[in-house]
Amino acid sequence: MNNDDLRALIRTIPDFPKPGIQYRDITTLLLDARGFAASVERLAEGVTGKPDLIAGTEARGFIFAAALAHRLGAGLLLIRKHGKLPGETIAEDYALEYGNDRLAMHVDACTPGARVELVDDLIATGGTALAATRLIRRAGGFLTGASFLIDLPALGGADLLRAEGIGVRSLVSY
């Protein structure tokens, strides 16, 4: 599918957050009602089967995960930065393109056997997505796939997910 209309709505900001990084800013796409709706519809079209949960990673992943969960009639599983959830959690450390961090989810958020689609705005090195995948699998969830608005294939994150047996879809690649 040609997603040049979506690509045209994504702004590139050079040297953010540090020199040499070409930051793909989705706020311009989100400001466009048709573009945002089209991105959610196209992400939904790529989901196979009926997931029980749509997992979104903090923070921009929440935007697409919430819209997609509503569109598909699924629950919304929030995967947050460590220390942000009030209940008992499980956590995973991970590396990202500019440092290290830790993700967490409530221990009771994903029941064993739940079918879960992972959604985020962007896949780069894959650290965040792999940590989310480990959390979902530790809870007994089954990953139906991973959907992203943007893929940065030169950074290899989508290939890492595929090596874990996860089908990866993205709408725009840079």
Protein backbone atom coordinates (compact mmCIF):
# COMPACT_ATOMS: atom_id res chain seq x y z
CA MET A 1 0.00 0.00 0.00
CA ASN A 2 1.26 3.46 -0.89
CA ASN A 3 1.38 5.62 2.22
CA ASP A 4 2.98 8.70 0.69
CA ASP A 5 0.04 10.74 2.00
CA LEU A 6 1.03 9.78 5.56
CA ARG A 7 4.74 10.31 4.89
CA ALA A 8 3.94 13.86 3.74
CA LEU A 9 2.36 14.56 7.15
CA ILE A 10 5.42 13.41 9.15
CA ARG A 11 7.94 16.18 9.77
CA THR A 12 11.66 15.50 9.99
CA ILE A 13 13.62 17.53 12.55
CA PRO A 14 17.39 17.28 12.05
CA ASP A 15 19.80 16.95 14.98
CA PHE A 16 17.16 16.17 17.61
CA PRO A 17 17.60 15.09 20.36
CA LYS A 18 21.29 15.12 19.49
CA PRO A 19 23.45 15.86 16.44
CA GLY A 20 23.13 13.32 13.64
CA ILE A 21 19.63 12.12 14.56
CA GLN A 22 16.84 12.70 12.04
CA TYR A 23 13.81 12.84 14.35
CA ARG A 24 10.55 11.73 12.71
CA ASP A 25 7.93 13.98 14.31
CA ILE A 26 4.41 12.53 14.20
CA THR A 27 2.75 15.52 15.87
CA THR A 28 2.13 17.01 12.43
CA LEU A 29 0.31 13.82 11.35
CA LEU A 30 -1.74 13.83 14.57
CA LEU A 31 -2.87 17.41 13.89
CA ASP A 32 -4.38 16.30 10.59
CA ALA A 33 -7.71 14.56 11.31
CA ARG A 34 -7.79 12.69 8.00
CA GLY A 35 -4.16 11.63 8.27
CA PHE A 36 -4.57 10.37 11.82
CA ALA A 37 -7.77 8.48 10.93
CA ALA A 38 -6.14 6.99 7.83
CA SER A 39 -3.13 5.81 9.83
CA VAL A 40 -5.36 4.04 12.37
CA GLU A 41 -7.46 2.43 9.61
CA ARG A 42 -4.37 1.21 7.77
CA LEU A 43 -2.84 -0.17 10.96
CA ALA A 44 -6.14 -1.97 11.67
CA GLU A 45 -6.19 -3.48 8.17
CA GLY A 46 -2.82 -5.11 8.86
CA VAL A 47 -3.87 -6.86 12.07
CA THR A 48 -4.69 -10.51 11.49
CA GLY A 49 -7.25 -12.30 13.61
CA LYS A 50 -8.97 -10.75 16.59
CA PRO A 51 -6.56 -9.70 19.36
CA ASP A 52 -7.82 -9.58 22.93
CA LEU A 53 -5.50 -6.70 23.77
CA ILE A 54 -3.64 -3.95 21.98
CA ALA A 55 -0.41 -3.20 23.86
CA GLY A 56 0.95 0.32 23.58
CA THR A 57 4.29 1.51 24.87
CA GLU A 58 4.76 4.85 26.57
CA ALA A 59 4.24 7.48 25.38
CA ARG A 60 3.43 7.97 21.70
CA GLY A 61 2.51 4.31 21.34
CA PHE A 62 -0.46 4.97 23.64
CA ILE A 63 -1.99 7.24 21.00
CA PHE A 64 -2.09 4.62 18.26
CA ALA A 65 -2.76 1.70 20.62
CA ALA A 66 -5.81 3.39 22.16
CA ALA A 67 -7.27 4.30 18.77
CA LEU A 68 -6.56 0.82 17.40
CA ALA A 69 -8.02 -0.91 20.47
CA HIS A 70 -11.21 1.10 20.03
CA ARG A 71 -11.31 0.38 16.29
CA LEU A 72 -10.78 -3.39 16.77
CA GLY A 73 -12.93 -3.80 19.90
CA ALA A 74 -9.97 -4.94 22.01
CA GLY A 75 -8.74 -4.00 25.45
CA LEU A 76 -5.83 -1.61 25.90
CA LEU A 77 -2.67 -2.85 27.66
CA LEU A 78 -0.42 -0.02 28.80
CA ILE A 79 3.30 -0.70 28.97
CA ARG A 80 4.88 2.14 30.89
CA LYS A 81 8.22 3.39 32.02
CA HIS A 82 9.24 1.83 35.33
CA GLY A 83 7.80 3.53 38.42
CA LYS A 84 4.71 4.96 36.69
CA LEU A 85 2.18 2.22 37.52
CA PRO A 86 0.58 2.09 40.98
CA GLY A 87 0.05 -1.67 41.35
CA GLU A 88 2.34 -4.69 41.42
CA THR A 89 4.40 -4.83 38.23
CA ILE A 90 6.84 -6.89 36.25
CA ALA A 91 9.65 -4.99 34.49
CA GLU A 92 12.27 -5.37 31.76
CA ASP A 93 15.42 -3.37 31.11
CA TYR A 94 16.23 -2.40 27.55
CA ALA A 95 18.57 -0.31 25.42
CA LEU A 96 17.24 2.37 23.12
CA GLU A 97 18.88 4.45 20.45
CA TYR A 98 20.04 7.11 22.92
CA GLY A 99 20.49 5.30 26.26
CA ASN A 100 18.91 2.72 28.58
CA ASP A 101 15.53 2.46 30.28
CA ARG A 102 13.11 0.06 31.96
CA LEU A 103 9.52 -0.83 31.02
CA ALA A 104 6.84 -2.23 33.29
CA MET A 105 3.27 -3.49 33.21
CA HIS A 106 0.85 -4.59 35.90
CA VAL A 107 1.24 -8.29 36.75
CA ASP A 108 -2.48 -8.86 36.15
CA ALA A 109 -2.81 -6.79 32.95
CA CYS A 110 -2.33 -9.66 30.52
CA THR A 111 -3.92 -13.01 31.31
CA PRO A 112 -2.23 -16.22 30.17
CA GLY A 113 -3.26 -17.07 26.61
CA ALA A 114 -4.35 -13.53 25.72
CA ARG A 115 -3.78 -12.62 22.08
CA VAL A 116 -1.85 -9.34 22.03
CA GLU A 117 -0.93 -6.98 19.18
CA LEU A 118 1.97 -4.67 20.03
CA VAL A 119 1.65 -1.12 18.65
CA ASP A 120 3.99 1.86 18.71
CA ASP A 121 4.59 4.94 16.63
CA LEU A 122 8.10 3.92 15.57
CA ILE A 123 10.47 0.97 15.49
CA ALA A 124 14.16 1.88 15.49
CA THR A 125 16.69 -0.36 17.26
CA GLY A 126 13.92 -2.56 18.66
CA GLY A 127 14.86 -2.23 22.32
CA THR A 128 11.48 -0.94 23.48
CA ALA A 129 9.53 -3.45 21.38
CA LEU A 130 11.66 -6.39 22.53
CA ALA A 131 11.25 -5.39 26.19
CA ALA A 132 7.48 -5.12 25.69
CA THR A 133 7.49 -8.51 23.96
CA ARG A 134 9.34 -10.09 26.90
CA LEU A 135 6.83 -8.59 29.36
CA ILE A 136 3.84 -9.88 27.40
CA ARG A 137 5.36 -13.34 27.03
CA ARG A 138 6.35 -13.48 30.73
CA ALA A 139 2.69 -12.83 31.57
CA GLY A 140 1.67 -15.72 29.30
CA GLY A 141 0.39 -13.59 26.43
CA PHE A 142 0.69 -14.57 22.78
CA LEU A 143 2.00 -11.91 20.37
CA THR A 144 -0.19 -11.79 17.26
CA GLY A 145 2.13 -9.24 15.65
CA ALA A 146 3.64 -5.79 15.96
CA SER A 147 2.40 -2.71 14.12
CA PHE A 148 4.22 0.59 13.71
CA LEU A 149 3.49 3.83 11.93
CA ILE A 150 7.21 4.26 11.11
CA ASP A 151 10.07 1.82 10.60
CA LEU A 152 13.72 2.83 10.49
CA PRO A 153 15.00 -0.39 8.84
CA ALA A 154 18.67 0.64 8.86
CA LEU A 155 18.57 0.40 12.68
CA GLY A 156 17.44 -3.25 12.57
CA GLY A 157 14.64 -3.30 15.14
CA ALA A 158 12.01 -4.88 12.90
CA ASP A 159 14.45 -7.64 11.95
CA LEU A 160 15.08 -8.36 15.65
CA LEU A 161 11.34 -8.80 16.21
CA ARG A 162 11.05 -11.06 13.16
CA ALA A 163 13.91 -13.17 14.58
CA GLU A 164 11.68 -13.62 17.66
CA GLY A 165 8.92 -14.99 15.43
CA ILE A 166 6.83 -11.81 15.43
CA GLY A 167 5.19 -10.52 12.28
CA VAL A 168 6.04 -6.84 11.82
CA ARG A 169 4.07 -4.29 9.84
CA SER A 170 4.77 -0.60 9.32
CA LEU A 171 3.14 2.06 7.19
CA VAL A 172 6.14 4.28 6.41
CA SER A 173 9.87 3.49 6.25
CA TYR A 174 12.79 5.93 6.30
